[in-house]
C-alpha atoms as a PDB file:
ATOM      1  CA  MET A   1       0.029   0.051  -0.095  1.00  0.00           C
ATOM      2  CA  LYS A   2       1.240   3.430  -0.781  1.00  0.00           C
ATOM      3  CA  PRO A   3       1.741   5.994   1.854  1.00  0.00           C
ATOM      4  CA  SER A   4      -1.365   8.128   2.570  1.00  0.00           C
ATOM      5  CA  PHE A   5       0.467  11.341   1.633  1.00  0.00           C
ATOM      6  CA  VAL A   6       0.659  10.297  -1.971  1.00  0.00           C
ATOM      7  CA  SER A   7      -3.237  10.050  -1.983  1.00  0.00           C
ATOM      8  CA  GLY A   8      -3.518  13.482  -0.421  1.00  0.00           C
ATOM      9  CA  THR A   9      -0.890  14.863  -2.818  1.00  0.00           C
ATOM     10  CA  PHE A  10      -2.857  13.535  -5.734  1.00  0.00           C
ATOM     11  CA  VAL A  11      -6.120  14.992  -4.431  1.00  0.00           C
ATOM     12  CA  LEU A  12      -4.405  18.232  -4.058  1.00  0.00           C
ATOM     13  CA  LEU A  13      -3.073  18.229  -7.534  1.00  0.00           C
ATOM     14  CA  LEU A  14      -6.551  17.579  -8.853  1.00  0.00           C
ATOM     15  CA  THR A  15      -7.848  20.541  -6.932  1.00  0.00           C
ATOM     16  CA  LEU A  16      -5.171  22.865  -8.054  1.00  0.00           C
ATOM     17  CA  THR A  17      -5.502  21.694 -11.627  1.00  0.00           C
ATOM     18  CA  ALA A  18      -9.327  22.266 -11.551  1.00  0.00           C
ATOM     19  CA  SER A  19      -8.797  25.858 -10.077  1.00  0.00           C
ATOM     20  CA  ALA A  20      -6.330  26.628 -12.638  1.00  0.00           C
ATOM     21  CA  CYS A  21      -8.756  25.809 -15.470  1.00  0.00           C
ATOM     22  CA  PRO A  22      -9.821  29.373 -16.720  1.00  0.00           C
ATOM     23  CA  VAL A  23     -13.601  30.071 -16.851  1.00  0.00           C
ATOM     24  CA  SER A  24     -13.049  30.856 -20.521  1.00  0.00           C
ATOM     25  CA  ALA A  25     -12.417  27.212 -21.284  1.00  0.00           C
ATOM     26  CA  ARG A  26     -15.678  25.994 -19.782  1.00  0.00           C
ATOM     27  CA  GLN A  27     -18.905  25.784 -21.610  1.00  0.00           C
ATOM     28  CA  CYS A  28     -21.067  29.060 -21.376  1.00  0.00           C
ATOM     29  CA  ASP A  29     -24.238  27.944 -19.736  1.00  0.00           C
ATOM     30  CA  ARG A  30     -27.617  29.690 -19.779  1.00  0.00           C
ATOM     31  CA  ALA A  31     -26.613  32.303 -17.143  1.00  0.00           C
ATOM     32  CA  CYS A  32     -23.325  32.947 -18.858  1.00  0.00           C
ATOM     33  CA  LEU A  33     -24.925  33.477 -22.253  1.00  0.00           C
ATOM     34  CA  ALA A  34     -27.734  35.754 -20.867  1.00  0.00           C
ATOM     35  CA  GLY A  35     -24.958  37.676 -19.131  1.00  0.00           C
ATOM     36  CA  PHE A  36     -23.340  38.293 -22.442  1.00  0.00           C
ATOM     37  CA  ILE A  37     -26.568  39.767 -23.736  1.00  0.00           C
ATOM     38  CA  THR A  38     -26.808  42.129 -20.665  1.00  0.00           C
ATOM     39  CA  ASP A  39     -23.341  43.123 -20.924  1.00  0.00           C
ATOM     40  CA  TYR A  40     -23.630  43.757 -24.687  1.00  0.00           C
ATOM     41  CA  LEU A  41     -26.814  45.897 -24.453  1.00  0.00           C
ATOM     42  CA  ASP A  42     -25.352  47.904 -21.552  1.00  0.00           C
ATOM     43  CA  ALA A  43     -22.257  48.478 -23.654  1.00  0.00           C
ATOM     44  CA  VAL A  44     -24.260  49.678 -26.656  1.00  0.00           C
ATOM     45  CA  VAL A  45     -26.091  52.287 -24.628  1.00  0.00           C
ATOM     46  CA  ALA A  46     -22.967  53.322 -22.997  1.00  0.00           C
ATOM     47  CA  GLU A  47     -21.109  53.506 -26.314  1.00  0.00           C
ATOM     48  CA  ASP A  48     -18.305  51.566 -24.771  1.00  0.00           C
ATOM     49  CA  PRO A  49     -17.126  48.522 -26.706  1.00  0.00           C
ATOM     50  CA  THR A  50     -14.531  47.801 -24.068  1.00  0.00           C
ATOM     51  CA  ALA A  51     -17.361  46.980 -21.554  1.00  0.00           C
ATOM     52  CA  VAL A  52     -18.006  43.659 -23.254  1.00  0.00           C
ATOM     53  CA  ALA A  53     -15.614  40.657 -23.770  1.00  0.00           C
ATOM     54  CA  LEU A  54     -14.981  40.860 -27.499  1.00  0.00           C
ATOM     55  CA  ALA A  55     -12.590  38.492 -29.364  1.00  0.00           C
ATOM     56  CA  ASP A  56      -9.710  40.318 -31.168  1.00  0.00           C
ATOM     57  CA  GLU A  57     -11.136  39.147 -34.531  1.00  0.00           C
ATOM     58  CA  VAL A  58     -14.973  39.849 -33.726  1.00  0.00           C
ATOM     59  CA  ARG A  59     -17.153  40.368 -36.646  1.00  0.00           C
ATOM     60  CA  PHE A  60     -20.179  42.675 -36.636  1.00  0.00           C
ATOM     61  CA  THR A  61     -23.084  43.198 -38.963  1.00  0.00           C
ATOM     62  CA  GLU A  62     -26.065  45.509 -38.543  1.00  0.00           C
ATOM     63  CA  ASP A  63     -28.912  45.126 -41.104  1.00  0.00           C
ATOM     64  CA  THR A  64     -26.453  42.778 -43.125  1.00  0.00           C
ATOM     65  CA  VAL A  65     -23.760  45.608 -43.468  1.00  0.00           C
ATOM     66  CA  GLU A  66     -20.447  44.835 -41.885  1.00  0.00           C
ATOM     67  CA  MET A  67     -19.286  47.459 -39.456  1.00  0.00           C
ATOM     68  CA  GLU A  68     -16.633  48.208 -36.893  1.00  0.00           C
ATOM     69  CA  VAL A  69     -17.934  47.694 -33.353  1.00  0.00           C
ATOM     70  CA  GLY A  70     -19.032  51.069 -32.165  1.00  0.00           C
ATOM     71  CA  GLN A  71     -20.819  52.079 -35.329  1.00  0.00           C
ATOM     72  CA  GLY A  72     -24.373  51.740 -36.254  1.00  0.00           C
ATOM     73  CA  LEU A  73     -26.859  51.540 -33.138  1.00  0.00           C
ATOM     74  CA  TRP A  74     -23.758  51.663 -30.872  1.00  0.00           C
ATOM     75  CA  ALA A  75     -23.400  55.411 -31.882  1.00  0.00           C
ATOM     76  CA  THR A  76     -27.125  56.276 -31.453  1.00  0.00           C
ATOM     77  CA  ALA A  77     -28.614  54.268 -28.733  1.00  0.00           C
ATOM     78  CA  SER A  78     -29.788  56.278 -25.741  1.00  0.00           C
ATOM     79  CA  GLY A  79     -31.357  53.720 -23.452  1.00  0.00           C
ATOM     80  CA  LEU A  80     -32.937  50.207 -22.791  1.00  0.00           C
ATOM     81  CA  ARG A  81     -36.549  49.532 -22.304  1.00  0.00           C
ATOM     82  CA  ASP A  82     -37.884  46.582 -20.183  1.00  0.00           C
ATOM     83  CA  TYR A  83     -38.749  44.151 -22.990  1.00  0.00           C
ATOM     84  CA  ARG A  84     -36.313  41.365 -23.787  1.00  0.00           C
ATOM     85  CA  GLN A  85     -36.814  37.877 -24.983  1.00  0.00           C
ATOM     86  CA  ASP A  86     -33.743  35.680 -24.871  1.00  0.00           C
ATOM     87  CA  ILE A  87     -33.213  32.637 -26.885  1.00  0.00           C
ATOM     88  CA  LEU A  88     -30.091  30.776 -25.238  1.00  0.00           C
ATOM     89  CA  ASP A  89     -28.489  27.922 -27.325  1.00  0.00           C
ATOM     90  CA  VAL A  90     -26.037  26.387 -24.876  1.00  0.00           C
ATOM     91  CA  ARG A  91     -24.895  23.598 -27.302  1.00  0.00           C
ATOM     92  CA  GLU A  92     -23.837  26.051 -30.111  1.00  0.00           C
ATOM     93  CA  GLY A  93     -22.790  29.007 -27.756  1.00  0.00           C
ATOM     94  CA  ILE A  94     -25.362  31.226 -29.191  1.00  0.00           C
ATOM     95  CA  ALA A  95     -26.844  34.106 -27.212  1.00  0.00           C
ATOM     96  CA  ALA A  96     -29.835  35.571 -29.116  1.00  0.00           C
ATOM     97  CA  SER A  97     -32.422  38.139 -28.043  1.00  0.00           C
ATOM     98  CA  GLN A  98     -35.313  40.203 -29.221  1.00  0.00           C
ATOM     99  CA  ALA A  99     -35.096  43.489 -27.296  1.00  0.00           C
ATOM    100  CA  VAL A 100     -36.333  47.125 -27.287  1.00  0.00           C
ATOM    101  CA  LEU A 101     -33.893  50.034 -27.093  1.00  0.00           C
ATOM    102  CA  GLU A 102     -34.259  53.795 -27.487  1.00  0.00           C
ATOM    103  CA  GLU A 103     -32.566  56.439 -29.696  1.00  0.00           C
ATOM    104  CA  ALA A 104     -33.235  59.920 -28.451  1.00  0.00           C
ATOM    105  CA  GLY A 105     -36.283  58.621 -26.519  1.00  0.00           C
ATOM    106  CA  SER A 106     -37.782  56.975 -29.638  1.00  0.00           C
ATOM    107  CA  PRO A 107     -37.972  53.118 -29.442  1.00  0.00           C
ATOM    108  CA  VAL A 108     -36.235  50.829 -31.630  1.00  0.00           C
ATOM    109  CA  LEU A 109     -36.598  46.949 -32.146  1.00  0.00           C
ATOM    110  CA  LEU A 110     -33.424  44.984 -32.020  1.00  0.00           C
ATOM    111  CA  MET A 111     -32.760  41.513 -33.196  1.00  0.00           C
ATOM    112  CA  LEU A 112     -29.360  40.289 -31.833  1.00  0.00           C
ATOM    113  CA  ARG A 113     -27.266  37.071 -32.228  1.00  0.00           C
ATOM    114  CA  LEU A 114     -24.007  36.697 -30.437  1.00  0.00           C
ATOM    115  CA  ARG A 115     -21.671  33.735 -30.681  1.00  0.00           C
ATOM    116  CA  VAL A 116     -19.639  33.127 -27.591  1.00  0.00           C
ATOM    117  CA  GLU A 117     -16.434  31.151 -27.831  1.00  0.00           C
ATOM    118  CA  ASP A 118     -13.853  30.748 -25.060  1.00  0.00           C
ATOM    119  CA  GLY A 119     -15.341  33.481 -22.880  1.00  0.00           C
ATOM    120  CA  ARG A 120     -15.459  36.114 -25.760  1.00  0.00           C
ATOM    121  CA  VAL A 121     -17.929  37.240 -28.362  1.00  0.00           C
ATOM    122  CA  THR A 122     -16.728  36.378 -31.875  1.00  0.00           C
ATOM    123  CA  GLU A 123     -19.709  37.173 -33.896  1.00  0.00           C
ATOM    124  CA  ILE A 124     -22.526  39.968 -33.547  1.00  0.00           C
ATOM    125  CA  GLU A 125     -25.373  39.791 -35.981  1.00  0.00           C
ATOM    126  CA  SER A 126     -28.109  42.531 -35.513  1.00  0.00           C
ATOM    127  CA  VAL A 127     -31.065  43.945 -37.144  1.00  0.00           C
ATOM    128  CA  VAL A 128     -32.555  47.249 -36.153  1.00  0.00           C
ATOM    129  CA  THR A 129     -36.225  48.415 -37.027  1.00  0.00           C
ATOM    130  CA  ARG A 130     -36.992  52.070 -36.162  1.00  0.00           C
ATOM    131  CA  SER A 131     -40.376  52.670 -37.738  1.00  0.00           C
ATOM    132  CA  ARG A 132     -43.480  51.413 -39.664  1.00  0.00           C
ATOM    133  CA  GLU A 133     -41.877  52.311 -42.867  1.00  0.00           C
ATOM    134  CA  GLU A 134     -38.988  50.063 -42.124  1.00  0.00           C
ATOM    135  CA  GLY A 135     -41.024  47.249 -40.803  1.00  0.00           C
ATOM    136  CA  ILE A 136     -44.641  47.303 -42.149  1.00  0.00           C
ATOM    137  CA  LEU A 137     -45.779  46.905 -38.556  1.00  0.00           C
ATOM    138  CA  PHE A 138     -44.298  48.927 -35.580  1.00  0.00           C
ATOM    139  CA  ASN A 139     -46.452  48.411 -32.500  1.00  0.00           C
ATOM    140  CA  VAL A 140     -43.820  48.840 -29.655  1.00  0.00           C
ATOM    141  CA  ASP A 141     -46.692  49.046 -26.932  1.00  0.00           C
ATOM    142  CA  GLY A 142     -47.953  45.729 -28.355  1.00  0.00           C
ATOM    143  CA  VAL A 143     -44.359  44.248 -27.919  1.00  0.00           C
ATOM    144  CA  GLU A 144     -43.941  45.591 -24.333  1.00  0.00           C
ATOM    145  CA  SER A 145     -47.639  44.624 -23.177  1.00  0.00           C
ATOM    146  CA  ALA A 146     -47.859  41.234 -24.721  1.00  0.00           C
ATOM    147  CA  ASP A 147     -48.801  38.322 -22.328  1.00  0.00           C
ATOM    148  CA  ARG A 148     -45.544  36.378 -21.636  1.00  0.00           C
ATOM    149  CA  THR A 149     -47.265  33.352 -20.364  1.00  0.00           C
ATOM    150  CA  VAL A 150     -46.627  31.152 -23.445  1.00  0.00           C
ATOM    151  CA  MET A 151     -43.136  32.295 -24.160  1.00  0.00           C
ATOM    152  CA  ASP A 152     -41.921  32.043 -20.572  1.00  0.00           C
ATOM    153  CA  TYR A 153     -43.490  28.622 -20.019  1.00  0.00           C
ATOM    154  CA  ILE A 154     -40.872  26.020 -19.276  1.00  0.00           C
ATOM    155  CA  PRO A 155     -41.909  22.800 -20.886  1.00  0.00           C
ATOM    156  CA  ARG A 156     -42.043  19.599 -18.743  1.00  0.00           C
ATOM    157  CA  ALA A 157     -39.505  16.890 -19.437  1.00  0.00           C
ATOM    158  CA  SER A 158     -42.310  14.966 -21.213  1.00  0.00           C
ATOM    159  CA  GLU A 159     -43.013  17.782 -23.522  1.00  0.00           C
ATOM    160  CA  ARG A 160     -39.597  18.650 -24.462  1.00  0.00           C
ATOM    161  CA  LEU A 161     -38.455  17.632 -27.973  1.00  0.00           C
ATOM    162  CA  SER A 162     -34.983  16.834 -29.142  1.00  0.00           C
ATOM    163  CA  ARG A 163     -33.202  19.658 -30.832  1.00  0.00           C
ATOM    164  CA  ASP A 164     -33.636  18.162 -34.346  1.00  0.00           C
ATOM    165  CA  GLU A 165     -37.440  17.461 -33.809  1.00  0.00           C
ATOM    166  CA  ALA A 166     -37.938  20.966 -32.451  1.00  0.00           C
ATOM    167  CA  ILE A 167     -36.366  22.265 -35.705  1.00  0.00           C
ATOM    168  CA  ARG A 168     -38.598  19.939 -37.843  1.00  0.00           C
ATOM    169  CA  ILE A 169     -41.796  21.133 -36.141  1.00  0.00           C
ATOM    170  CA  ALA A 170     -40.780  24.885 -36.600  1.00  0.00           C
ATOM    171  CA  GLU A 171     -40.004  24.319 -40.144  1.00  0.00           C
ATOM    172  CA  PHE A 172     -43.652  23.610 -41.029  1.00  0.00           C
ATOM    173  CA  TYR A 173     -44.175  27.343 -40.785  1.00  0.00           C
ATOM    174  CA  PRO A 174     -41.937  28.190 -43.700  1.00  0.00           C
ATOM    175  CA  ALA A 175     -43.070  25.259 -45.683  1.00  0.00           C
ATOM    176  CA  GLY A 176     -46.719  26.639 -45.395  1.00  0.00           C
ATOM    177  CA  LEU A 177     -45.575  30.019 -46.162  1.00  0.00           C
ATOM    178  CA  THR A 178     -43.731  28.814 -49.283  1.00  0.00           C
ATOM    179  CA  ILE A 179     -46.839  27.197 -50.846  1.00  0.00           C
ATOM    180  CA  GLY A 180     -49.334  29.648 -49.258  1.00  0.00           C
ATOM    181  CA  SER A 181     -51.194  27.178 -47.056  1.00  0.00           C
ATOM    182  CA  PHE A 182     -50.479  26.024 -43.524  1.00  0.00           C
ATOM    183  CA  VAL A 183     -53.477  23.593 -44.012  1.00  0.00           C
ATOM    184  CA  THR A 184     -51.903  21.791 -46.847  1.00  0.00           C
ATOM    185  CA  VAL A 185     -48.684  21.160 -44.980  1.00  0.00           C
ATOM    186  CA  ASP A 186     -50.577  20.350 -41.881  1.00  0.00           C
ATOM    187  CA  ALA A 187     -48.596  22.671 -39.670  1.00  0.00           C
ATOM    188  CA  PRO A 188     -49.064  21.476 -36.085  1.00  0.00           C
ATOM    189  CA  PHE A 189     -50.362  24.542 -34.324  1.00  0.00           C
ATOM    190  CA  GLY A 190     -51.585  24.360 -30.782  1.00  0.00           C
ATOM    191  CA  PRO A 191     -55.266  25.253 -30.356  1.00  0.00           C
ATOM    192  CA  ASP A 192     -54.564  28.745 -28.959  1.00  0.00           C
ATOM    193  CA  ALA A 193     -51.513  29.345 -31.182  1.00  0.00           C
ATOM    194  CA  TYR A 194     -50.883  32.900 -32.015  1.00  0.00           C
ATOM    195  CA  ARG A 195     -48.569  35.101 -34.260  1.00  0.00           C
ATOM    196  CA  LEU A 196     -47.155  38.613 -32.983  1.00  0.00           C
ATOM    197  CA  GLU A 197     -45.156  40.552 -35.529  1.00  0.00           C
ATOM    198  CA  ASN A 198     -43.454  43.738 -34.361  1.00  0.00           C
ATOM    199  CA  GLY A 199     -45.889  43.779 -31.640  1.00  0.00           C
ATOM    200  CA  GLY A 200     -48.871  43.456 -33.931  1.00  0.00           C
ATOM    201  CA  ILE A 201     -51.299  40.428 -33.213  1.00  0.00           C
ATOM    202  CA  MET A 202     -51.612  38.837 -36.823  1.00  0.00           C
ATOM    203  CA  ALA A 203     -53.067  35.544 -36.039  1.00  0.00           C
ATOM    204  CA  GLY A 204     -54.663  33.642 -33.146  1.00  0.00           C
ATOM    205  CA  PRO A 205     -56.743  34.866 -30.145  1.00  0.00           C
ATOM    206  CA  GLY A 206     -57.042  38.833 -30.212  1.00  0.00           C
ATOM    207  CA  CYS A 207     -56.433  39.144 -33.942  1.00  0.00           C
ATOM    208  CA  SER A 208     -59.025  41.505 -35.283  1.00  0.00           C
ATOM    209  CA  ARG A 209     -58.633  40.961 -38.910  1.00  0.00           C
ATOM    210  CA  PRO A 210     -61.309  38.827 -40.701  1.00  0.00           C
ATOM    211  CA  GLY A 211     -60.339  35.105 -40.687  1.00  0.00           C
ATOM    212  CA  CYS A 212     -57.215  35.600 -38.680  1.00  0.00           C
ATOM    213  CA  GLU A 213     -58.118  34.024 -35.281  1.00  0.00           C
ATOM    214  CA  ASP A 214     -57.468  30.478 -36.676  1.00  0.00           C
ATOM    215  CA  ILE A 215     -53.681  30.770 -37.448  1.00  0.00           C
ATOM    216  CA  LYS A 216     -53.696  27.399 -39.344  1.00  0.00           C
ATOM    217  CA  ALA A 217     -56.581  28.354 -41.537  1.00  0.00           C
ATOM    218  CA  GLN A 218     -55.759  31.993 -42.143  1.00  0.00           C
ATOM    219  CA  GLN A 219     -55.437  32.944 -45.604  1.00  0.00           C
ATOM    220  CA  ILE A 220     -51.758  33.596 -46.849  1.00  0.00           C
ATOM    221  CA  ILE A 221     -49.995  34.156 -50.036  1.00  0.00           C
ATOM    222  CA  GLY A 222     -47.418  32.109 -51.376  1.00  0.00           C
ATOM    223  CA  HIS A 223     -43.733  32.845 -50.879  1.00  0.00           C
ATOM    224  CA  PRO A 224     -42.028  30.647 -53.570  1.00  0.00           C
ATOM    225  CA  ASP A 225     -38.581  32.183 -52.993  1.00  0.00           C
ATOM    226  CA  LEU A 226     -38.485  31.973 -49.141  1.00  0.00           C
ATOM    227  CA  THR A 227     -35.236  31.013 -47.590  1.00  0.00           C
ATOM    228  CA  THR A 228     -34.635  29.926 -44.076  1.00  0.00           C
ATOM    229  CA  ARG A 229     -31.712  29.739 -41.701  1.00  0.00           C
ATOM    230  CA  VAL A 230     -31.760  28.154 -38.177  1.00  0.00           C
ATOM    231  CA  VAL A 231     -30.309  30.883 -35.728  1.00  0.00           C
ATOM    232  CA  ALA A 232     -30.528  29.266 -32.397  1.00  0.00           C
ATOM    233  CA  VAL A 233     -32.464  26.615 -30.412  1.00  0.00           C
ATOM    234  CA  ASP A 234     -33.194  26.933 -26.712  1.00  0.00           C
ATOM    235  CA  GLU A 235     -33.582  23.401 -25.835  1.00  0.00           C
ATOM    236  CA  GLU A 236     -34.656  24.114 -22.185  1.00  0.00           C
ATOM    237  CA  MET A 237     -37.360  26.658 -23.161  1.00  0.00           C
ATOM    238  CA  GLY A 238     -38.467  25.059 -26.369  1.00  0.00           C
ATOM    239  CA  ILE A 239     -37.759  28.028 -28.616  1.00  0.00           C
ATOM    240  CA  VAL A 240     -36.439  27.683 -32.158  1.00  0.00           C
ATOM    241  CA  LEU A 241     -35.212  31.008 -33.757  1.00  0.00           C
ATOM    242  CA  LEU A 242     -35.307  31.064 -37.689  1.00  0.00           C
ATOM    243  CA  ARG A 243     -34.156  33.872 -39.930  1.00  0.00           C
ATOM    244  CA  MET A 244     -36.450  34.024 -43.166  1.00  0.00           C
ATOM    245  CA  ASN A 245     -36.196  36.087 -46.157  1.00  0.00           C
ATOM    246  CA  PHE A 246     -39.678  36.176 -47.628  1.00  0.00           C
ATOM    247  CA  GLY A 247     -38.427  36.784 -51.023  1.00  0.00           C
ATOM    248  CA  ASP A 248     -39.648  39.444 -53.458  1.00  0.00           C
ATOM    249  CA  THR A 249     -43.430  38.901 -53.712  1.00  0.00           C
ATOM    250  CA  GLY A 250     -44.183  42.246 -55.002  1.00  0.00           C
ATOM    251  CA  SER A 251     -45.590  43.346 -51.562  1.00  0.00           C
ATOM    252  CA  TYR A 252     -42.779  45.411 -50.159  1.00  0.00           C
ATOM    253  CA  GLY A 253     -41.538  47.587 -52.944  1.00  0.00           C
ATOM    254  CA  PRO A 254     -39.574  46.832 -56.017  1.00  0.00           C
ATOM    255  CA  GLY A 255     -36.877  44.303 -55.299  1.00  0.00           C
ATOM    256  CA  ASN A 256     -37.626  44.101 -51.660  1.00  0.00           C
ATOM    257  CA  ALA A 257     -38.386  41.369 -49.237  1.00  0.00           C
ATOM    258  CA  LEU A 258     -39.542  41.073 -45.616  1.00  0.00           C
ATOM    259  CA  ILE A 259     -36.789  39.784 -43.441  1.00  0.00           C
ATOM    260  CA  VAL A 260     -38.103  38.132 -40.487  1.00  0.00           C
ATOM    261  CA  TRP A 261     -36.566  36.809 -37.342  1.00  0.00           C
ATOM    262  CA  GLU A 262     -39.321  34.421 -35.886  1.00  0.00           C
ATOM    263  CA  ALA A 263     -39.101  32.838 -32.490  1.00  0.00           C
ATOM    264  CA  PHE A 264     -41.338  29.629 -32.401  1.00  0.00           C
ATOM    265  CA  LYS A 265     -42.538  28.075 -29.134  1.00  0.00           C
ATOM    266  CA  VAL A 266     -42.467  24.499 -29.758  1.00  0.00           C
ATOM    267  CA  TYR A 267     -43.293  21.690 -27.184  1.00  0.00           C
ATOM    268  CA  GLY A 268     -45.543  18.637 -27.100  1.00  0.00           C
ATOM    269  CA  GLY A 269     -45.095  18.313 -30.831  1.00  0.00           C
ATOM    270  CA  GLN A 270     -46.907  21.685 -31.503  1.00  0.00           C
ATOM    271  CA  ILE A 271     -46.225  25.272 -32.300  1.00  0.00           C
ATOM    272  CA  HIS A 272     -47.670  27.354 -29.554  1.00  0.00           C
ATOM    273  CA  ALA A 273     -46.528  30.730 -30.357  1.00  0.00           C
ATOM    274  CA  VAL A 274     -44.729  32.719 -33.115  1.00  0.00           C
ATOM    275  CA  GLU A 275     -43.069  36.029 -32.212  1.00  0.00           C
ATOM    276  CA  ALA A 276     -41.287  37.993 -34.918  1.00  0.00           C
ATOM    277  CA  PHE A 277     -39.193  41.148 -35.363  1.00  0.00           C
ATOM    278  CA  MET A 278     -38.870  41.949 -39.036  1.00  0.00           C
ATOM    279  CA  GLU A 279     -37.593  44.591 -41.475  1.00  0.00           C
ATOM    280  CA  ILE A 280     -37.951  45.376 -45.079  1.00  0.00           C
ATOM    281  CA  MET A 281     -34.557  44.897 -46.868  1.00  0.00           C
ATOM    282  CA  PRO A 282     -33.524  44.208 -50.460  1.00  0.00           C
ATOM    283  CA  ALA A 283     -34.457  40.680 -51.291  1.00  0.00           C
ATOM    284  CA  ASP A 284     -31.067  39.879 -52.920  1.00  0.00           C
ATOM    285  CA  ALA A 285     -28.897  41.340 -49.949  1.00  0.00           C
ATOM    286  CA  PRO A 286     -26.585  38.788 -48.611  1.00  0.00           C
ATOM    287  CA  THR A 287     -26.655  38.344 -44.875  1.00  0.00           C
ATOM    288  CA  GLY A 288     -22.975  37.985 -44.527  1.00  0.00           C
ATOM    289  CA  TRP A 289     -23.548  34.888 -42.333  1.00  0.00           C
ATOM    290  CA  ASP A 290     -24.888  32.186 -44.509  1.00  0.00           C
END
């Protein structure tokens, strides 16, 4: 038998090794990712890029245009409002958020995606909508006063889907938009499913337009050139975030398309809510992140 001090020394070495392991080398959990969003938004309002941990080679785009960190909304934001919907993808190190900021007292809608690697932000992708002209809809009061019960619901273990299955369920939505019918693709909406776009209730309970209370049966036009990218999957909360380019349907001005970041609440095999921030952009504008 070896002397007992050897065992004690081994335990001490393990302890010292664990202590020496930098935080940056560990996986960024939910609290860590949410903290990066908080730090980033505070830094934007303070116009201080040094207040958030950025990688040396960080890449930043606003409305698909590549910029230096400190430009764009960084130079104009004047405050934060209370609304913020985070989508935290621990597996991929993605911290995404829909948030409301202010410029000179006027509200702006911000869609944000941060990639976090080794304790630093390596990618920043953002979209900023400032008006109805930019976004078709612009109801900030509707964003801030919306009932958060569905989006804040934490699915039970029996209701949670695998990552791939959650994406598959969410993608029924763009499949229906492409052909112009959620009924034809048999999109699995929950009985009280709703859609909120830039704060406007556009389908489901509370929608006031004719025929819009039933999100599945609602009449929609086809979007044959629609493209989709998975931005983040919050596996714990059951939220799948998709970026969609609706394509040029002739509805948003010559050569333009609606660019939509849609957060789908998916659990129990159904889509229970769709909450979107969106902006009109040239249909052929590259995202810079494809």
